[in-house]
Amino acid sequence: MLEAIHYVIKGEKILKGAGLAIDVIPVPREISSDCGMALEFSCQERDRVEQLLADEDVTVVGIYALRKGQYTKL
């Protein structure tokens, strides 16, 4: 989950530019009741995603894994 919508847009551009398969999705209600958008990506790409976003000063609020229908903060 990213801090603001402009980070979501910037993050999407960075990650797609790096060839990663990502989706922009609404933040699941289980994570936050606030309206917002998040980036969804494969757990196997977590380290790469975090590094790419950090290199471009994109603030990440949290990373969550979906397992058996439950979100867990990583």
Protein backbone atom coordinates (compact mmCIF):
# COMPACT_ATOMS: atom_id res chain seq x y z
CA MET A 1 0.00 0.00 0.00
CA LEU A 2 1.41 3.37 -0.95
CA GLU A 3 1.05 6.66 0.90
CA ALA A 4 -0.85 8.66 -1.75
CA ILE A 5 -2.40 8.21 -5.19
CA HIS A 6 0.50 10.03 -6.88
CA TYR A 7 2.82 7.38 -5.43
CA VAL A 8 0.56 4.66 -6.82
CA ILE A 9 0.73 6.20 -10.29
CA LYS A 10 4.50 6.72 -10.04
CA GLY A 11 5.00 3.22 -8.65
CA GLU A 12 2.93 1.68 -11.43
CA LYS A 13 5.04 3.44 -14.05
CA ILE A 14 8.32 2.38 -12.40
CA LEU A 15 7.35 -1.27 -11.93
CA LYS A 16 5.79 -1.72 -15.36
CA GLY A 17 8.84 -0.01 -16.86
CA ALA A 18 10.97 -2.64 -15.15
CA GLY A 19 8.88 -5.36 -16.79
CA LEU A 20 7.00 -6.48 -13.68
CA ALA A 21 3.42 -7.73 -13.88
CA ILE A 22 1.42 -5.51 -11.52
CA ASP A 23 -2.16 -4.39 -11.12
CA VAL A 24 -3.61 -1.24 -9.58
CA ILE A 25 -6.43 -2.25 -7.24
CA PRO A 26 -8.62 -0.59 -4.61
CA VAL A 27 -7.17 -0.99 -1.12
CA PRO A 28 -8.99 -4.00 0.35
CA ARG A 29 -11.40 -3.12 3.19
CA GLU A 30 -9.62 -5.64 5.41
CA ILE A 31 -6.53 -3.43 5.25
CA SER A 32 -8.08 0.04 5.43
CA SER A 33 -11.54 1.56 5.41
CA ASP A 34 -10.14 4.64 3.66
CA CYS A 35 -10.64 4.93 -0.06
CA GLY A 36 -7.42 4.41 -1.91
CA MET A 37 -5.52 2.42 -4.45
CA ALA A 38 -2.71 -0.10 -4.07
CA LEU A 39 -0.31 -2.03 -6.27
CA GLU A 40 -0.71 -5.79 -6.46
CA PHE A 41 2.26 -7.95 -7.42
CA SER A 42 3.65 -11.45 -6.99
CA CYS A 43 5.21 -12.23 -3.61
CA GLN A 44 8.25 -13.59 -5.46
CA GLU A 45 8.93 -10.03 -6.70
CA ARG A 46 8.75 -8.39 -3.26
CA ASP A 47 12.48 -7.61 -2.85
CA ARG A 48 12.75 -6.24 -6.37
CA VAL A 49 9.59 -4.13 -5.96
CA GLU A 50 10.80 -2.68 -2.66
CA GLN A 51 14.21 -1.82 -4.12
CA LEU A 52 12.81 -0.23 -7.29
CA LEU A 53 10.37 1.93 -5.30
CA ALA A 54 13.00 2.91 -2.72
CA ASP A 55 15.42 3.92 -5.50
CA GLU A 56 12.77 6.35 -6.77
CA ASP A 57 11.74 7.67 -3.31
CA VAL A 58 8.25 6.16 -3.47
CA THR A 59 6.89 5.91 0.07
CA VAL A 60 5.44 2.49 0.90
CA VAL A 61 3.01 2.37 3.84
CA GLY A 62 2.80 -1.40 4.02
CA ILE A 63 3.15 -4.65 2.14
CA TYR A 64 0.53 -7.32 2.67
CA ALA A 65 0.31 -10.95 1.59
CA LEU A 66 -2.99 -12.59 0.77
CA ARG A 67 -3.04 -16.14 2.09
CA LYS A 68 -6.14 -18.28 2.41
CA GLY A 69 -8.36 -15.22 2.06
CA GLN A 70 -6.59 -13.27 4.85
CA TYR A 71 -4.28 -10.26 4.51
CA THR A 72 -1.13 -10.32 6.63
CA LYS A 73 1.22 -7.36 6.93
CA LEU A 74 4.77 -8.38 6.02
